[in-house]
């Protein structure tokens, strides 16, 4: 079995939203996105994205916090 480790790749906001929209149809695209990063395999296929954004809930919203 050929084991390969995923590596981090930059992901544009629009591409991250499309990734979430395609694979998690039960979730809306994230709001308040600040940045995103992806994990790709050796062939360059995007396998996962992490979207980091501002908190949506008012009690946790501050200028110093981000939500994964």
PDB file of N, CA and C in Angstrom:
ATOM      1  N   UNK A   1       0.833  -1.176   0.000  1.00  0.00           N
ATOM      2  CA  UNK A   1       0.000   0.000   0.000  1.00  0.00           C
ATOM      3  C   UNK A   1       0.879   1.240   0.000  1.00  0.00           C
ATOM      4  N   UNK A   2       0.590   2.168  -0.869  1.00  0.00           N
ATOM      5  CA  UNK A   2       1.349   3.395  -0.981  1.00  0.00           C
ATOM      6  C   UNK A   2       0.744   4.437  -0.047  1.00  0.00           C
ATOM      7  N   UNK A   3       1.448   4.714   1.042  1.00  0.00           N
ATOM      8  CA  UNK A   3       0.947   5.698   1.992  1.00  0.00           C
ATOM      9  C   UNK A   3       1.532   7.061   1.675  1.00  0.00           C
ATOM     10  N   UNK A   4       0.689   8.041   1.588  1.00  0.00           N
ATOM     11  CA  UNK A   4       1.151   9.404   1.384  1.00  0.00           C
ATOM     12  C   UNK A   4       0.534  10.284   2.455  1.00  0.00           C
ATOM     13  N   UNK A   5       1.270  11.268   2.854  1.00  0.00           N
ATOM     14  CA  UNK A   5       0.786  12.185   3.872  1.00  0.00           C
ATOM     15  C   UNK A   5       0.225  13.421   3.203  1.00  0.00           C
ATOM     16  N   UNK A   6      -0.899  13.895   3.684  1.00  0.00           N
ATOM     17  CA  UNK A   6      -1.439  15.140   3.123  1.00  0.00           C
ATOM     18  C   UNK A   6      -0.532  16.308   3.487  1.00  0.00           C
ATOM     19  N   UNK A   7      -0.568  17.325   2.660  1.00  0.00           N
ATOM     20  CA  UNK A   7       0.218  18.523   2.927  1.00  0.00           C
ATOM     21  C   UNK A   7      -0.691  19.741   2.841  1.00  0.00           C
ATOM     22  N   UNK A   8      -0.307  20.788   3.549  1.00  0.00           N
ATOM     23  CA  UNK A   8      -1.120  22.007   3.591  1.00  0.00           C
ATOM     24  C   UNK A   8      -0.972  22.790   2.296  1.00  0.00           C
ATOM     25  N   UNK A   9      -2.100  23.312   1.847  1.00  0.00           N
ATOM     26  CA  UNK A   9      -2.120  24.131   0.634  1.00  0.00           C
ATOM     27  C   UNK A   9      -2.999  25.350   0.888  1.00  0.00           C
ATOM     28  N   UNK A  10      -2.679  26.467   0.249  1.00  0.00           N
ATOM     29  CA  UNK A  10      -3.560  27.633   0.372  1.00  0.00           C
ATOM     30  C   UNK A  10      -4.857  27.384  -0.385  1.00  0.00           C
ATOM     31  N   UNK A  11      -5.953  27.882   0.169  1.00  0.00           N
ATOM     32  CA  UNK A  11      -7.266  27.718  -0.462  1.00  0.00           C
ATOM     33  C   UNK A  11      -7.955  29.074  -0.472  1.00  0.00           C
ATOM     34  N   UNK A  12      -8.424  29.481  -1.623  1.00  0.00           N
ATOM     35  CA  UNK A  12      -9.171  30.738  -1.716  1.00  0.00           C
ATOM     36  C   UNK A  12     -10.515  30.588  -1.032  1.00  0.00           C
ATOM     37  N   UNK A  13     -11.044  31.688  -0.555  1.00  0.00           N
ATOM     38  CA  UNK A  13     -12.316  31.665   0.171  1.00  0.00           C
ATOM     39  C   UNK A  13     -13.421  31.021  -0.657  1.00  0.00           C
ATOM     40  N   UNK A  14     -13.498  31.376  -1.922  1.00  0.00           N
ATOM     41  CA  UNK A  14     -14.552  30.843  -2.787  1.00  0.00           C
ATOM     42  C   UNK A  14     -14.402  29.333  -2.957  1.00  0.00           C
ATOM     43  N   UNK A  15     -13.167  28.849  -3.099  1.00  0.00           N
ATOM     44  CA  UNK A  15     -12.933  27.413  -3.242  1.00  0.00           C
ATOM     45  C   UNK A  15     -13.296  26.662  -1.958  1.00  0.00           C
ATOM     46  N   UNK A  16     -12.999  27.260  -0.803  1.00  0.00           N
ATOM     47  CA  UNK A  16     -13.367  26.634   0.470  1.00  0.00           C
ATOM     48  C   UNK A  16     -14.882  26.559   0.617  1.00  0.00           C
ATOM     49  N   UNK A  17     -15.580  27.632   0.227  1.00  0.00           N
ATOM     50  CA  UNK A  17     -17.044  27.625   0.286  1.00  0.00           C
ATOM     51  C   UNK A  17     -17.614  26.549  -0.632  1.00  0.00           C
ATOM     52  N   UNK A  18     -17.064  26.419  -1.826  1.00  0.00           N
ATOM     53  CA  UNK A  18     -17.527  25.390  -2.762  1.00  0.00           C
ATOM     54  C   UNK A  18     -17.275  23.988  -2.211  1.00  0.00           C
ATOM     55  N   UNK A  19     -16.118  23.792  -1.579  1.00  0.00           N
ATOM     56  CA  UNK A  19     -15.785  22.498  -0.984  1.00  0.00           C
ATOM     57  C   UNK A  19     -16.808  22.133   0.085  1.00  0.00           C
ATOM     58  N   UNK A  20     -17.118  23.081   0.962  1.00  0.00           N
ATOM     59  CA  UNK A  20     -18.108  22.836   2.027  1.00  0.00           C
ATOM     60  C   UNK A  20     -19.487  22.607   1.420  1.00  0.00           C
ATOM     61  N   UNK A  21     -19.847  23.395   0.435  1.00  0.00           N
ATOM     62  CA  UNK A  21     -21.164  23.271  -0.205  1.00  0.00           C
ATOM     63  C   UNK A  21     -21.349  21.889  -0.842  1.00  0.00           C
ATOM     64  N   UNK A  22     -20.313  21.363  -1.480  1.00  0.00           N
ATOM     65  CA  UNK A  22     -20.406  20.064  -2.148  1.00  0.00           C
ATOM     66  C   UNK A  22     -20.422  18.887  -1.183  1.00  0.00           C
ATOM     67  N   UNK A  23     -19.632  18.981  -0.125  1.00  0.00           N
ATOM     68  CA  UNK A  23     -19.467  17.824   0.758  1.00  0.00           C
ATOM     69  C   UNK A  23     -20.324  17.868   2.012  1.00  0.00           C
ATOM     70  N   UNK A  24     -20.862  19.020   2.328  1.00  0.00           N
ATOM     71  CA  UNK A  24     -21.696  19.176   3.523  1.00  0.00           C
ATOM     72  C   UNK A  24     -22.955  19.933   3.147  1.00  0.00           C
ATOM     73  N   UNK A  25     -23.773  19.313   2.346  1.00  0.00           N
ATOM     74  CA  UNK A  25     -24.975  19.981   1.839  1.00  0.00           C
ATOM     75  C   UNK A  25     -25.935  20.391   2.951  1.00  0.00           C
ATOM     76  N   UNK A  26     -25.827  19.752   4.105  1.00  0.00           N
ATOM     77  CA  UNK A  26     -26.704  20.079   5.226  1.00  0.00           C
ATOM     78  C   UNK A  26     -26.234  21.316   5.994  1.00  0.00           C
ATOM     79  N   UNK A  27     -25.048  21.847   5.664  1.00  0.00           N
ATOM     80  CA  UNK A  27     -24.530  23.049   6.304  1.00  0.00           C
ATOM     81  C   UNK A  27     -24.469  24.194   5.303  1.00  0.00           C
ATOM     82  N   UNK A  28     -24.829  25.386   5.713  1.00  0.00           N
ATOM     83  CA  UNK A  28     -24.644  26.537   4.819  1.00  0.00           C
ATOM     84  C   UNK A  28     -23.156  26.900   4.768  1.00  0.00           C
ATOM     85  N   UNK A  29     -22.730  27.618   3.746  1.00  0.00           N
ATOM     86  CA  UNK A  29     -21.335  28.071   3.718  1.00  0.00           C
ATOM     87  C   UNK A  29     -21.049  28.937   4.940  1.00  0.00           C
ATOM     88  N   UNK A  30     -19.836  28.882   5.459  1.00  0.00           N
ATOM     89  CA  UNK A  30     -19.514  29.640   6.670  1.00  0.00           C
ATOM     90  C   UNK A  30     -19.603  31.149   6.449  1.00  0.00           C
ATOM     91  N   UNK A  31     -20.050  31.844   7.481  1.00  0.00           N
ATOM     92  CA  UNK A  31     -20.149  33.303   7.432  1.00  0.00           C
ATOM     93  C   UNK A  31     -18.960  33.913   8.160  1.00  0.00           C
ATOM     94  N   UNK A  32     -18.546  35.080   7.749  1.00  0.00           N
ATOM     95  CA  UNK A  32     -17.476  35.784   8.439  1.00  0.00           C
ATOM     96  C   UNK A  32     -16.113  35.151   8.281  1.00  0.00           C
ATOM     97  N   UNK A  33     -15.859  34.552   7.140  1.00  0.00           N
ATOM     98  CA  UNK A  33     -14.599  33.861   6.927  1.00  0.00           C
ATOM     99  C   UNK A  33     -13.424  34.835   6.912  1.00  0.00           C
ATOM    100  N   UNK A  34     -12.361  34.491   7.650  1.00  0.00           N
ATOM    101  CA  UNK A  34     -11.157  35.297   7.697  1.00  0.00           C
ATOM    102  C   UNK A  34     -10.099  34.693   6.771  1.00  0.00           C
ATOM    103  N   UNK A  35      -9.870  33.375   6.915  1.00  0.00           N
ATOM    104  CA  UNK A  35      -8.952  32.682   6.016  1.00  0.00           C
ATOM    105  C   UNK A  35      -9.293  31.199   6.003  1.00  0.00           C
ATOM    106  N   UNK A  36      -8.720  30.488   5.055  1.00  0.00           N
ATOM    107  CA  UNK A  36      -8.917  29.039   4.980  1.00  0.00           C
ATOM    108  C   UNK A  36      -7.624  28.394   4.512  1.00  0.00           C
ATOM    109  N   UNK A  37      -7.471  27.127   4.860  1.00  0.00           N
ATOM    110  CA  UNK A  37      -6.311  26.342   4.464  1.00  0.00           C
ATOM    111  C   UNK A  37      -6.815  24.946   4.127  1.00  0.00           C
ATOM    112  N   UNK A  38      -6.128  24.265   3.223  1.00  0.00           N
ATOM    113  CA  UNK A  38      -6.572  22.948   2.804  1.00  0.00           C
ATOM    114  C   UNK A  38      -5.504  21.897   3.012  1.00  0.00           C
ATOM    115  N   UNK A  39      -5.924  20.650   2.894  1.00  0.00           N
ATOM    116  CA  UNK A  39      -5.020  19.502   2.916  1.00  0.00           C
ATOM    117  C   UNK A  39      -5.207  18.764   1.600  1.00  0.00           C
ATOM    118  N   UNK A  40      -4.106  18.591   0.880  1.00  0.00           N
ATOM    119  CA  UNK A  40      -4.152  17.915  -0.417  1.00  0.00           C
ATOM    120  C   UNK A  40      -3.258  16.683  -0.368  1.00  0.00           C
ATOM    121  N   UNK A  41      -3.592  15.703  -1.209  1.00  0.00           N
ATOM    122  CA  UNK A  41      -2.755  14.510  -1.286  1.00  0.00           C
ATOM    123  C   UNK A  41      -1.616  14.756  -2.279  1.00  0.00           C
ATOM    124  N   UNK A  42      -0.807  13.726  -2.518  1.00  0.00           N
ATOM    125  CA  UNK A  42       0.356  13.876  -3.397  1.00  0.00           C
ATOM    126  C   UNK A  42      -0.013  14.206  -4.833  1.00  0.00           C
ATOM    127  N   UNK A  43      -1.221  13.876  -5.244  1.00  0.00           N
ATOM    128  CA  UNK A  43      -1.643  14.180  -6.610  1.00  0.00           C
ATOM    129  C   UNK A  43      -2.245  15.576  -6.724  1.00  0.00           C
ATOM    130  N   UNK A  44      -2.357  16.282  -5.585  1.00  0.00           N
ATOM    131  CA  UNK A  44      -2.888  17.637  -5.600  1.00  0.00           C
ATOM    132  C   UNK A  44      -4.386  17.725  -5.402  1.00  0.00           C
ATOM    133  N   UNK A  45      -5.034  16.596  -5.135  1.00  0.00           N
ATOM    134  CA  UNK A  45      -6.474  16.605  -4.899  1.00  0.00           C
ATOM    135  C   UNK A  45      -6.749  17.124  -3.494  1.00  0.00           C
ATOM    136  N   UNK A  46      -7.609  18.122  -3.413  1.00  0.00           N
ATOM    137  CA  UNK A  46      -7.979  18.710  -2.134  1.00  0.00           C
ATOM    138  C   UNK A  46      -8.862  17.723  -1.371  1.00  0.00           C
ATOM    139  N   UNK A  47      -8.432  17.341  -0.187  1.00  0.00           N
ATOM    140  CA  UNK A  47      -9.149  16.348   0.620  1.00  0.00           C
ATOM    141  C   UNK A  47      -9.881  16.947   1.808  1.00  0.00           C
ATOM    142  N   UNK A  48      -9.451  18.107   2.276  1.00  0.00           N
ATOM    143  CA  UNK A  48     -10.084  18.728   3.446  1.00  0.00           C
ATOM    144  C   UNK A  48      -9.799  20.228   3.431  1.00  0.00           C
ATOM    145  N   UNK A  49     -10.685  20.979   4.054  1.00  0.00           N
ATOM    146  CA  UNK A  49     -10.456  22.410   4.252  1.00  0.00           C
ATOM    147  C   UNK A  49     -10.764  22.775   5.695  1.00  0.00           C
ATOM    148  N   UNK A  50     -10.042  23.754   6.187  1.00  0.00           N
ATOM    149  CA  UNK A  50     -10.328  24.346   7.494  1.00  0.00           C
ATOM    150  C   UNK A  50     -10.651  25.810   7.234  1.00  0.00           C
ATOM    151  N   UNK A  51     -11.819  26.220   7.685  1.00  0.00           N
ATOM    152  CA  UNK A  51     -12.268  27.596   7.486  1.00  0.00           C
ATOM    153  C   UNK A  51     -12.271  28.280   8.849  1.00  0.00           C
ATOM    154  N   UNK A  52     -11.543  29.363   8.951  1.00  0.00           N
ATOM    155  CA  UNK A  52     -11.460  30.115  10.199  1.00  0.00           C
ATOM    156  C   UNK A  52     -12.160  31.447   9.985  1.00  0.00           C
ATOM    157  N   UNK A  53     -13.028  31.775  10.915  1.00  0.00           N
ATOM    158  CA  UNK A  53     -13.794  33.002  10.764  1.00  0.00           C
ATOM    159  C   UNK A  53     -14.081  33.666  12.086  1.00  0.00           C
ATOM    160  N   UNK A  54     -14.772  34.773  11.993  1.00  0.00           N
ATOM    161  CA  UNK A  54     -15.178  35.499  13.191  1.00  0.00           C
ATOM    162  C   UNK A  54     -16.364  34.787  13.833  1.00  0.00           C
ATOM    163  N   UNK A  55     -16.486  34.863  15.160  1.00  0.00           N
ATOM    164  CA  UNK A  55     -17.618  34.239  15.838  1.00  0.00           C
ATOM    165  C   UNK A  55     -18.942  34.824  15.354  1.00  0.00           C
ATOM    166  N   UNK A  56     -19.942  33.972  15.250  1.00  0.00           N
ATOM    167  CA  UNK A  56     -21.266  34.418  14.817  1.00  0.00           C
ATOM    168  C   UNK A  56     -22.116  34.826  16.021  1.00  0.00           C
ATOM    169  N   UNK A  57     -21.955  34.110  17.138  1.00  0.00           N
ATOM    170  CA  UNK A  57     -22.727  34.403  18.343  1.00  0.00           C
ATOM    171  C   UNK A  57     -22.215  35.687  18.999  1.00  0.00           C
ATOM    172  N   UNK A  58     -23.100  36.595  19.303  1.00  0.00           N
ATOM    173  CA  UNK A  58     -22.729  37.882  19.877  1.00  0.00           C
ATOM    174  C   UNK A  58     -21.940  37.778  21.189  1.00  0.00           C
ATOM    175  N   UNK A  59     -22.308  36.893  22.141  1.00  0.00           N
ATOM    176  CA  UNK A  59     -21.562  36.852  23.407  1.00  0.00           C
ATOM    177  C   UNK A  59     -20.091  36.480  23.242  1.00  0.00           C
ATOM    178  N   UNK A  60     -19.756  35.744  22.172  1.00  0.00           N
ATOM    179  CA  UNK A  60     -18.357  35.340  21.988  1.00  0.00           C
ATOM    180  C   UNK A  60     -17.630  36.227  20.988  1.00  0.00           C
ATOM    181  N   UNK A  61     -18.328  37.165  20.391  1.00  0.00           N
ATOM    182  CA  UNK A  61     -17.713  38.036  19.390  1.00  0.00           C
ATOM    183  C   UNK A  61     -16.865  39.098  20.056  1.00  0.00           C
ATOM    184  N   UNK A  62     -15.587  39.081  19.756  1.00  0.00           N
ATOM    185  CA  UNK A  62     -14.681  40.140  20.209  1.00  0.00           C
ATOM    186  C   UNK A  62     -13.670  40.366  19.100  1.00  0.00           C
ATOM    187  N   UNK A  63     -12.892  41.379  19.250  1.00  0.00           N
ATOM    188  CA  UNK A  63     -11.908  41.668  18.210  1.00  0.00           C
ATOM    189  C   UNK A  63     -10.712  40.737  18.273  1.00  0.00           C
ATOM    190  N   UNK A  64     -10.652  39.875  19.291  1.00  0.00           N
ATOM    191  CA  UNK A  64      -9.504  38.999  19.473  1.00  0.00           C
ATOM    192  C   UNK A  64      -9.802  37.524  19.304  1.00  0.00           C
ATOM    193  N   UNK A  65     -11.004  37.161  18.905  1.00  0.00           N
ATOM    194  CA  UNK A  65     -11.321  35.741  18.823  1.00  0.00           C
ATOM    195  C   UNK A  65     -11.680  35.326  17.411  1.00  0.00           C
ATOM    196  N   UNK A  66     -11.320  34.074  17.096  1.00  0.00           N
ATOM    197  CA  UNK A  66     -11.653  33.444  15.823  1.00  0.00           C
ATOM    198  C   UNK A  66     -12.252  32.081  16.113  1.00  0.00           C
ATOM    199  N   UNK A  67     -13.088  31.603  15.215  1.00  0.00           N
ATOM    200  CA  UNK A  67     -13.680  30.273  15.351  1.00  0.00           C
ATOM    201  C   UNK A  67     -13.178  29.381  14.242  1.00  0.00           C
ATOM    202  N   UNK A  68     -12.843  28.110  14.576  1.00  0.00           N
ATOM    203  CA  UNK A  68     -12.446  27.172  13.531  1.00  0.00           C
ATOM    204  C   UNK A  68     -13.658  26.674  12.773  1.00  0.00           C
TER     205      UNK A  68
END
